[in-house]
N, C-alpha and C. Protein backbone atom coordinates (compact mmCIF):
# COMPACT_ATOMS: atom_id res chain seq x y z
N LEU A 1 1.41 27.78 4.40
CA LEU A 1 2.19 28.38 3.29
C LEU A 1 1.27 28.22 2.07
N LEU A 2 1.53 29.23 1.10
CA LEU A 2 0.68 29.15 -0.16
C LEU A 2 1.83 28.80 -1.21
N SER A 3 1.56 27.67 -1.85
CA SER A 3 2.40 27.14 -3.04
C SER A 3 1.73 27.68 -4.31
N ILE A 4 2.46 28.47 -5.00
CA ILE A 4 2.00 28.96 -6.26
C ILE A 4 2.75 28.48 -7.43
N GLU A 5 2.15 27.71 -8.36
CA GLU A 5 2.86 27.23 -9.52
C GLU A 5 2.88 28.22 -10.69
N PHE A 6 4.00 28.66 -11.12
CA PHE A 6 4.14 29.69 -12.10
C PHE A 6 4.33 29.07 -13.49
N LYS A 7 5.17 28.07 -13.60
CA LYS A 7 5.39 27.35 -14.87
C LYS A 7 5.42 26.00 -14.44
N GLU A 8 5.12 25.11 -15.46
CA GLU A 8 4.95 23.61 -15.14
C GLU A 8 6.16 23.13 -14.25
N GLY A 9 5.89 22.69 -13.11
CA GLY A 9 6.82 22.19 -12.15
C GLY A 9 7.57 23.26 -11.37
N GLN A 10 7.37 24.50 -11.67
CA GLN A 10 8.10 25.53 -10.90
C GLN A 10 7.17 26.23 -9.92
N GLU A 11 7.36 26.09 -8.63
CA GLU A 11 6.63 26.69 -7.64
C GLU A 11 7.41 27.59 -6.70
N ARG A 12 6.66 28.40 -5.99
CA ARG A 12 7.25 29.21 -4.96
C ARG A 12 6.36 29.15 -3.75
N LEU A 13 6.88 29.08 -2.49
CA LEU A 13 6.15 29.09 -1.33
C LEU A 13 6.08 30.43 -0.63
N TYR A 14 5.01 30.89 -0.24
CA TYR A 14 4.84 32.19 0.46
C TYR A 14 4.18 31.96 1.81
N SER A 15 4.55 32.61 2.81
CA SER A 15 3.89 32.78 4.10
C SER A 15 2.63 33.48 3.96
N ILE A 16 1.53 32.96 4.50
CA ILE A 16 0.27 33.63 4.43
C ILE A 16 -0.31 33.78 5.74
N ALA A 17 -1.36 34.67 5.94
CA ALA A 17 -2.16 34.76 7.09
C ALA A 17 -3.55 34.39 6.80
N LYS A 18 -4.21 33.72 7.72
CA LYS A 18 -5.63 33.31 7.59
C LYS A 18 -6.28 34.36 8.49
N ILE A 19 -7.14 35.20 7.86
CA ILE A 19 -7.81 36.18 8.55
C ILE A 19 -9.27 36.10 8.27
N LYS A 20 -10.07 35.63 9.31
CA LYS A 20 -11.47 35.27 9.14
C LYS A 20 -11.66 34.29 7.95
N ASP A 21 -12.28 34.62 6.90
CA ASP A 21 -12.42 33.66 5.78
C ASP A 21 -11.55 33.97 4.61
N GLY A 22 -10.58 34.84 4.76
CA GLY A 22 -9.60 35.25 3.75
C GLY A 22 -8.15 34.85 4.00
N LEU A 23 -7.33 35.12 3.05
CA LEU A 23 -5.91 34.94 3.19
C LEU A 23 -5.22 36.26 2.85
N LEU A 24 -4.07 36.49 3.55
CA LEU A 24 -3.30 37.67 3.22
C LEU A 24 -1.92 37.12 2.81
N LEU A 25 -1.38 37.65 1.77
CA LEU A 25 -0.08 37.34 1.15
C LEU A 25 0.76 38.56 1.03
N SER A 26 1.96 38.64 1.53
CA SER A 26 2.89 39.70 1.42
C SER A 26 4.05 39.25 0.57
N VAL A 27 4.30 39.99 -0.52
CA VAL A 27 5.26 39.67 -1.55
C VAL A 27 6.09 40.93 -1.84
N LYS A 28 7.36 40.74 -1.82
CA LYS A 28 8.37 41.85 -2.19
C LYS A 28 8.64 41.63 -3.73
N LYS A 29 8.52 42.65 -4.49
CA LYS A 29 8.72 42.61 -5.91
C LYS A 29 10.17 42.65 -6.20
N HIS A 30 10.66 41.60 -6.88
CA HIS A 30 12.10 41.51 -7.42
C HIS A 30 12.03 41.59 -8.92
N THR A 31 12.69 42.58 -9.52
CA THR A 31 12.82 42.70 -10.84
C THR A 31 13.31 41.45 -11.53
N GLY A 32 12.55 40.84 -12.34
CA GLY A 32 12.97 39.62 -13.04
C GLY A 32 12.70 38.34 -12.22
N GLY A 33 12.15 38.56 -11.07
CA GLY A 33 11.78 37.46 -10.15
C GLY A 33 10.58 36.59 -10.70
N LEU A 34 10.79 35.37 -10.81
CA LEU A 34 9.78 34.57 -11.37
C LEU A 34 8.44 34.67 -10.74
N GLY A 35 8.43 34.54 -9.35
CA GLY A 35 7.17 34.65 -8.57
C GLY A 35 6.62 36.08 -8.46
N SER A 36 7.35 36.95 -8.00
CA SER A 36 6.87 38.33 -7.69
C SER A 36 6.44 39.04 -8.99
N GLU A 37 7.26 38.94 -10.14
CA GLU A 37 6.71 39.42 -11.35
C GLU A 37 5.42 38.96 -11.83
N PHE A 38 5.30 37.64 -11.66
CA PHE A 38 3.98 37.03 -12.06
C PHE A 38 2.80 37.54 -11.20
N LEU A 39 3.09 37.63 -9.90
CA LEU A 39 1.94 38.04 -9.07
C LEU A 39 1.63 39.56 -9.17
N PHE A 40 2.62 40.40 -9.35
CA PHE A 40 2.43 41.82 -9.56
C PHE A 40 1.74 42.10 -10.94
N SER A 41 1.93 41.26 -11.84
CA SER A 41 1.27 41.48 -13.26
C SER A 41 -0.13 40.96 -13.37
N LEU A 42 -0.60 40.28 -12.31
CA LEU A 42 -1.95 39.68 -12.47
C LEU A 42 -3.05 40.73 -12.45
N ASP A 43 -4.09 40.50 -13.29
CA ASP A 43 -5.30 41.28 -13.14
C ASP A 43 -6.04 40.80 -11.95
N PRO A 44 -6.86 41.67 -11.25
CA PRO A 44 -7.54 41.24 -10.11
C PRO A 44 -8.43 39.99 -10.21
N ASP A 45 -8.97 39.83 -11.34
CA ASP A 45 -9.92 38.73 -11.54
C ASP A 45 -9.25 37.52 -12.19
N LYS A 46 -7.94 37.48 -12.40
CA LYS A 46 -7.17 36.41 -13.05
C LYS A 46 -6.96 35.31 -12.01
N LYS A 47 -7.23 34.05 -12.45
CA LYS A 47 -7.11 32.90 -11.62
C LYS A 47 -5.64 32.33 -11.87
N PHE A 48 -5.13 31.70 -10.95
CA PHE A 48 -3.82 30.96 -11.07
C PHE A 48 -3.86 29.70 -10.11
N LYS A 49 -2.91 28.83 -10.38
CA LYS A 49 -2.91 27.54 -9.69
C LYS A 49 -2.07 27.73 -8.48
N ALA A 50 -2.73 27.27 -7.31
CA ALA A 50 -2.08 27.43 -6.01
C ALA A 50 -2.62 26.39 -5.07
N ARG A 51 -1.87 26.07 -3.98
CA ARG A 51 -2.49 25.13 -3.00
C ARG A 51 -1.80 25.57 -1.56
N ILE A 52 -2.62 25.33 -0.61
CA ILE A 52 -2.23 25.62 0.76
C ILE A 52 -1.44 24.43 1.32
N ILE A 53 -0.31 24.66 1.82
CA ILE A 53 0.44 23.58 2.52
C ILE A 53 0.50 23.91 4.01
N ARG A 54 0.03 23.00 4.81
CA ARG A 54 0.07 23.21 6.30
C ARG A 54 1.52 23.11 6.79
N ASN A 55 1.90 24.07 7.57
CA ASN A 55 3.21 24.09 8.12
C ASN A 55 3.01 23.81 9.67
N ASP A 56 3.19 22.53 10.04
CA ASP A 56 3.00 22.14 11.39
C ASP A 56 4.01 22.63 12.33
N HIS A 57 5.13 23.18 11.78
CA HIS A 57 6.23 23.64 12.65
C HIS A 57 6.16 25.18 12.88
N PHE A 58 5.13 25.86 12.26
CA PHE A 58 5.16 27.30 12.47
C PHE A 58 3.58 27.61 12.75
N TYR A 59 3.27 27.74 14.05
CA TYR A 59 1.90 28.04 14.47
C TYR A 59 1.96 28.78 15.77
N LEU A 60 0.85 29.45 16.10
CA LEU A 60 0.74 30.29 17.32
C LEU A 60 0.79 29.28 18.55
N PRO A 61 1.84 29.35 19.40
CA PRO A 61 1.95 28.57 20.53
C PRO A 61 0.73 28.70 21.44
N LYS A 62 0.13 27.60 21.88
CA LYS A 62 -1.11 27.72 22.79
C LYS A 62 -0.73 27.83 24.13
N THR A 63 0.09 28.84 24.50
CA THR A 63 0.35 29.13 25.92
C THR A 63 -0.07 30.53 26.19
N SER A 64 0.03 30.89 27.44
CA SER A 64 -0.28 32.26 27.86
C SER A 64 1.03 33.03 28.05
N ASN A 65 2.13 32.42 27.71
CA ASN A 65 3.44 33.18 27.90
C ASN A 65 3.53 34.32 27.04
N PRO A 66 4.37 35.39 27.42
CA PRO A 66 4.53 36.46 26.46
C PRO A 66 4.96 36.02 25.08
N LEU A 67 4.59 36.75 24.13
CA LEU A 67 4.87 36.36 22.74
C LEU A 67 5.70 37.42 22.05
N ILE A 68 6.85 36.99 21.47
CA ILE A 68 7.73 37.93 20.84
C ILE A 68 7.73 37.48 19.38
N LEU A 69 7.34 38.45 18.50
CA LEU A 69 7.31 38.20 17.05
C LEU A 69 8.28 39.09 16.35
N ILE A 70 9.10 38.56 15.53
CA ILE A 70 10.23 39.30 14.82
C ILE A 70 10.02 39.04 13.29
N ALA A 71 9.76 40.10 12.59
CA ALA A 71 9.59 39.89 11.07
C ALA A 71 10.13 41.08 10.34
N ASN A 72 10.38 40.79 9.08
CA ASN A 72 10.53 41.82 8.06
C ASN A 72 9.33 41.72 7.19
N GLY A 73 9.38 42.53 6.12
CA GLY A 73 8.22 42.77 5.31
C GLY A 73 7.72 41.43 4.72
N THR A 74 8.58 40.54 4.23
CA THR A 74 8.07 39.28 3.65
C THR A 74 7.55 38.32 4.72
N GLY A 75 7.79 38.59 6.02
CA GLY A 75 7.42 37.67 7.04
C GLY A 75 6.27 38.11 7.87
N ILE A 76 5.70 39.22 7.61
CA ILE A 76 4.64 39.77 8.49
C ILE A 76 3.33 39.12 8.30
N ALA A 77 2.98 38.63 7.23
CA ALA A 77 1.58 38.10 6.93
C ALA A 77 1.21 37.03 7.92
N PRO A 78 1.86 35.94 8.24
CA PRO A 78 1.45 35.00 9.27
C PRO A 78 1.26 35.51 10.62
N PHE A 79 2.09 36.56 11.01
CA PHE A 79 1.93 37.20 12.32
C PHE A 79 0.69 38.02 12.37
N ILE A 80 0.24 38.59 11.30
CA ILE A 80 -0.99 39.41 11.31
C ILE A 80 -2.13 38.40 11.74
N GLY A 81 -2.23 37.16 11.11
CA GLY A 81 -3.12 36.21 11.44
C GLY A 81 -3.03 35.79 12.93
N MET A 82 -1.74 35.47 13.39
CA MET A 82 -1.55 35.02 14.65
C MET A 82 -1.93 36.04 15.71
N ILE A 83 -1.71 37.29 15.40
CA ILE A 83 -2.07 38.32 16.43
C ILE A 83 -3.61 38.31 16.59
N GLU A 84 -4.37 38.12 15.51
CA GLU A 84 -5.83 38.03 15.54
C GLU A 84 -6.29 36.82 16.41
N GLN A 85 -5.52 35.63 16.28
CA GLN A 85 -5.94 34.45 16.96
C GLN A 85 -5.54 34.52 18.49
N ALA A 86 -4.64 35.29 18.78
CA ALA A 86 -4.11 35.18 20.19
C ALA A 86 -5.10 35.71 21.20
N LYS A 87 -5.08 35.19 22.37
CA LYS A 87 -6.00 35.65 23.48
C LYS A 87 -5.69 37.00 23.69
N LYS A 88 -6.82 37.75 24.06
CA LYS A 88 -6.70 39.19 24.27
C LYS A 88 -5.84 39.53 25.46
N SER A 89 -5.61 38.65 26.39
CA SER A 89 -4.77 38.94 27.57
C SER A 89 -3.34 38.60 27.30
N ARG A 90 -3.00 38.11 26.15
CA ARG A 90 -1.62 37.73 25.90
C ARG A 90 -0.72 38.97 25.70
N ASP A 91 0.47 38.97 26.30
CA ASP A 91 1.44 40.07 26.08
C ASP A 91 2.19 39.81 24.79
N ILE A 92 1.95 40.68 23.78
CA ILE A 92 2.51 40.55 22.47
C ILE A 92 3.48 41.60 22.16
N THR A 93 4.68 41.27 21.78
CA THR A 93 5.68 42.32 21.33
C THR A 93 6.04 42.01 19.88
N LEU A 94 6.03 43.04 18.99
CA LEU A 94 6.29 42.89 17.61
C LEU A 94 7.46 43.83 17.21
N TYR A 95 8.55 43.04 16.76
CA TYR A 95 9.70 43.72 16.15
C TYR A 95 9.52 43.56 14.64
N PHE A 96 9.39 44.82 13.98
CA PHE A 96 9.09 44.72 12.54
C PHE A 96 10.00 45.65 11.66
N GLY A 97 10.72 45.06 10.71
CA GLY A 97 11.57 45.72 9.93
C GLY A 97 11.01 45.97 8.52
N ILE A 98 10.99 47.11 7.92
CA ILE A 98 10.34 47.42 6.75
C ILE A 98 11.29 48.45 6.00
N ALA A 99 11.07 48.53 4.70
CA ALA A 99 11.96 49.39 3.89
C ALA A 99 11.77 50.92 4.25
N ASN A 100 10.50 51.36 4.23
CA ASN A 100 10.19 52.80 4.30
C ASN A 100 8.84 53.05 4.88
N ARG A 101 8.53 54.38 5.08
CA ARG A 101 7.16 54.69 5.63
C ARG A 101 6.08 54.30 4.60
N ASP A 102 6.25 54.33 3.32
CA ASP A 102 5.21 53.95 2.36
C ASP A 102 4.81 52.49 2.59
N SER A 103 5.90 51.74 2.68
CA SER A 103 5.70 50.28 2.86
C SER A 103 5.02 49.96 4.17
N HIS A 104 5.48 50.76 5.20
CA HIS A 104 4.74 50.60 6.46
C HIS A 104 3.29 50.79 6.51
N LYS A 105 2.83 51.79 5.84
CA LYS A 105 1.42 52.12 5.73
C LYS A 105 0.70 50.95 5.08
N LYS A 106 1.24 50.40 3.95
CA LYS A 106 0.62 49.35 3.27
C LYS A 106 0.51 48.02 4.12
N MET A 107 1.72 47.80 4.82
CA MET A 107 1.87 46.45 5.41
C MET A 107 1.06 46.48 6.75
N THR A 108 0.93 47.62 7.45
CA THR A 108 0.27 47.60 8.80
C THR A 108 -1.13 47.91 8.74
N ALA A 109 -1.70 48.24 7.59
CA ALA A 109 -3.15 48.60 7.45
C ALA A 109 -3.94 47.42 8.01
N ARG A 110 -3.59 46.19 7.95
CA ARG A 110 -4.33 45.06 8.45
C ARG A 110 -3.85 44.64 9.87
N LEU A 111 -2.89 45.28 10.40
CA LEU A 111 -2.27 44.90 11.64
C LEU A 111 -3.13 45.42 12.71
N ASN A 112 -3.58 44.52 13.68
CA ASN A 112 -4.46 44.99 14.75
C ASN A 112 -3.47 45.51 15.88
N LYS A 113 -3.19 46.81 15.88
CA LYS A 113 -2.30 47.29 16.81
C LYS A 113 -2.87 47.27 18.20
N LYS A 114 -4.12 47.26 18.38
CA LYS A 114 -4.81 47.26 19.76
C LYS A 114 -4.40 45.89 20.43
N ARG A 115 -4.08 44.91 19.77
CA ARG A 115 -3.76 43.57 20.29
C ARG A 115 -2.24 43.39 20.64
N ILE A 116 -1.45 44.47 20.17
CA ILE A 116 0.01 44.42 20.37
C ILE A 116 0.38 45.36 21.62
N ASN A 117 1.03 44.81 22.53
CA ASN A 117 1.44 45.59 23.72
C ASN A 117 2.69 46.43 23.46
N HIS A 118 3.53 45.88 22.69
CA HIS A 118 4.86 46.62 22.43
C HIS A 118 5.12 46.49 20.91
N PHE A 119 5.17 47.62 20.20
CA PHE A 119 5.38 47.60 18.73
C PHE A 119 6.69 48.36 18.45
N HIS A 120 7.68 47.74 17.85
CA HIS A 120 8.96 48.36 17.55
C HIS A 120 9.17 48.26 16.04
N LEU A 121 9.51 49.42 15.45
CA LEU A 121 9.56 49.48 13.97
C LEU A 121 10.94 50.02 13.46
N ALA A 122 11.49 49.43 12.49
CA ALA A 122 12.75 49.82 11.86
C ALA A 122 12.59 50.09 10.38
N TYR A 123 13.18 51.17 9.84
CA TYR A 123 13.16 51.48 8.48
C TYR A 123 14.50 51.24 7.96
N SER A 124 14.72 50.38 7.03
CA SER A 124 16.06 50.03 6.44
C SER A 124 16.42 51.06 5.30
N ARG A 125 15.57 51.71 4.77
CA ARG A 125 15.85 52.59 3.65
C ARG A 125 15.54 54.07 3.94
N GLU A 126 15.23 54.44 5.17
CA GLU A 126 15.00 55.70 5.59
C GLU A 126 15.64 55.95 6.91
N GLU A 127 16.03 57.23 7.13
CA GLU A 127 16.81 57.51 8.37
C GLU A 127 15.79 57.30 9.64
N PRO A 128 16.30 56.72 10.59
CA PRO A 128 17.67 56.45 11.04
C PRO A 128 18.22 55.13 10.68
N PHE A 129 17.93 54.58 9.45
CA PHE A 129 18.43 53.34 8.85
C PHE A 129 18.73 52.33 9.90
N LYS A 130 17.74 51.56 10.14
CA LYS A 130 17.89 50.48 11.11
C LYS A 130 17.27 49.11 10.45
N TYR A 131 17.81 47.97 10.96
CA TYR A 131 17.19 46.76 10.48
C TYR A 131 16.56 46.15 11.79
N VAL A 132 15.72 45.14 11.55
CA VAL A 132 15.02 44.56 12.65
C VAL A 132 15.97 43.96 13.67
N GLN A 133 17.12 43.44 13.25
CA GLN A 133 18.14 42.97 14.16
C GLN A 133 18.67 44.02 15.08
N ASP A 134 18.72 45.27 14.58
CA ASP A 134 19.15 46.37 15.39
C ASP A 134 18.14 46.64 16.57
N LEU A 135 16.92 46.53 16.21
CA LEU A 135 15.90 46.63 17.26
C LEU A 135 16.04 45.57 18.34
N VAL A 136 16.35 44.31 17.95
CA VAL A 136 16.53 43.27 18.90
C VAL A 136 17.79 43.65 19.78
N SER A 137 18.78 44.14 19.22
CA SER A 137 19.98 44.56 20.04
C SER A 137 19.59 45.69 20.97
N ASP A 138 18.90 46.71 20.46
CA ASP A 138 18.50 47.77 21.24
C ASP A 138 17.67 47.48 22.43
N HIS A 139 16.85 46.34 22.36
CA HIS A 139 16.00 45.95 23.39
C HIS A 139 16.46 44.67 24.10
N ALA A 140 17.74 44.47 24.16
CA ALA A 140 18.24 43.19 24.65
C ALA A 140 17.82 42.96 26.15
N GLU A 141 17.90 44.03 26.90
CA GLU A 141 17.49 43.90 28.30
C GLU A 141 16.02 43.50 28.48
N ASN A 142 15.10 44.13 27.72
CA ASN A 142 13.69 43.75 27.78
C ASN A 142 13.52 42.37 27.14
N LEU A 143 14.16 41.93 26.10
CA LEU A 143 14.00 40.60 25.61
C LEU A 143 14.52 39.53 26.50
N THR A 144 15.67 39.83 27.16
CA THR A 144 16.21 38.90 28.15
C THR A 144 15.19 38.67 29.30
N ASP A 145 14.53 39.82 29.76
CA ASP A 145 13.58 39.70 30.76
C ASP A 145 12.38 38.81 30.36
N LYS A 146 11.81 39.01 29.07
CA LYS A 146 10.77 38.25 28.64
C LYS A 146 11.12 36.83 28.33
N LEU A 147 12.25 36.50 27.87
CA LEU A 147 12.72 35.13 27.76
C LEU A 147 12.91 34.38 29.00
N GLN A 148 13.33 35.09 30.01
CA GLN A 148 13.43 34.43 31.39
C GLN A 148 12.03 34.15 31.97
N LYS A 149 10.96 34.84 31.42
CA LYS A 149 9.62 34.56 31.84
C LYS A 149 8.99 33.55 30.86
N ASN A 150 9.83 32.81 30.14
CA ASN A 150 9.41 31.74 29.23
C ASN A 150 8.60 32.33 28.01
N ALA A 151 9.02 33.44 27.51
CA ALA A 151 8.30 34.01 26.31
C ALA A 151 8.40 32.98 25.15
N ASP A 152 7.43 32.98 24.39
CA ASP A 152 7.49 32.26 23.03
C ASP A 152 8.09 33.28 22.05
N ILE A 153 9.04 32.88 21.29
CA ILE A 153 9.57 33.72 20.29
C ILE A 153 9.51 33.14 18.94
N MET A 154 9.10 34.00 17.93
CA MET A 154 8.90 33.46 16.54
C MET A 154 9.58 34.48 15.57
N ILE A 155 10.18 33.88 14.58
CA ILE A 155 10.77 34.71 13.57
C ILE A 155 10.34 34.33 12.22
N CYS A 156 10.02 35.33 11.31
CA CYS A 156 9.48 34.99 10.03
C CYS A 156 9.96 36.09 9.11
N GLY A 157 10.52 35.66 7.95
CA GLY A 157 11.00 36.61 6.88
C GLY A 157 12.12 36.03 6.08
N SER A 158 12.90 36.88 5.51
CA SER A 158 14.00 36.37 4.78
C SER A 158 15.02 35.66 5.62
N LEU A 159 15.70 34.72 4.93
CA LEU A 159 16.71 33.94 5.58
C LEU A 159 17.86 34.78 6.11
N ALA A 160 18.27 35.85 5.34
CA ALA A 160 19.28 36.61 5.83
C ALA A 160 18.91 37.40 7.02
N MET A 161 17.69 37.86 7.16
CA MET A 161 17.14 38.51 8.44
C MET A 161 17.18 37.53 9.54
N GLU A 162 16.77 36.36 9.35
CA GLU A 162 16.65 35.32 10.35
C GLU A 162 18.07 35.08 10.94
N GLN A 163 19.04 34.97 10.07
CA GLN A 163 20.42 34.77 10.55
C GLN A 163 20.90 35.89 11.34
N GLU A 164 20.70 37.12 10.88
CA GLU A 164 21.10 38.35 11.61
C GLU A 164 20.38 38.50 13.00
N VAL A 165 19.11 38.24 13.06
CA VAL A 165 18.35 38.24 14.27
C VAL A 165 18.86 37.16 15.23
N SER A 166 19.18 35.98 14.70
CA SER A 166 19.70 34.93 15.56
C SER A 166 21.12 35.37 16.18
N LEU A 167 21.86 36.06 15.36
CA LEU A 167 23.16 36.51 15.95
C LEU A 167 22.96 37.54 17.03
N ALA A 168 21.95 38.43 16.82
CA ALA A 168 21.72 39.45 17.75
C ALA A 168 21.08 38.84 19.00
N LEU A 169 20.30 37.76 18.97
CA LEU A 169 19.70 37.14 20.10
C LEU A 169 20.80 36.42 20.86
N ASP A 170 21.65 35.79 20.09
CA ASP A 170 22.82 35.04 20.85
C ASP A 170 23.70 35.96 21.57
N SER A 171 23.96 37.17 21.05
CA SER A 171 24.80 38.14 21.78
C SER A 171 24.07 38.84 22.92
């Protein structure tokens, strides 16, 4: 996680990806949002106070089991790094929900699609208007098969998305 301090004592945590020697951060701009407004207004050479916080509960499982990754736009960054780290032989499925095609181009420019065996994409603001949890429901049989093969499953993104995906997985 990247902890960014915006005002004295006010910080926000962001999921990041470590890619080679760099970091990737994905931020959704919220009008009036303390963190996103600050980050979007920065000049490229502007410095700001931040620190990396290791999240020992969210890492690429060191197994050879199939890997199922489920994310929306704000949660894709760590998965981009994990896909790079995964063994080339690992079966990776990515369910990704994004607002529209423009966002998709920006977000997946760094995504190594050659390492992903199954890529499923949902647009929430363009037809056919789907959310990532709809993809989970649409692929229930395939997910059940992979989970019965001890697949590792990871979810990253907004809390609302995580709750909806959990409901879809339960059903």
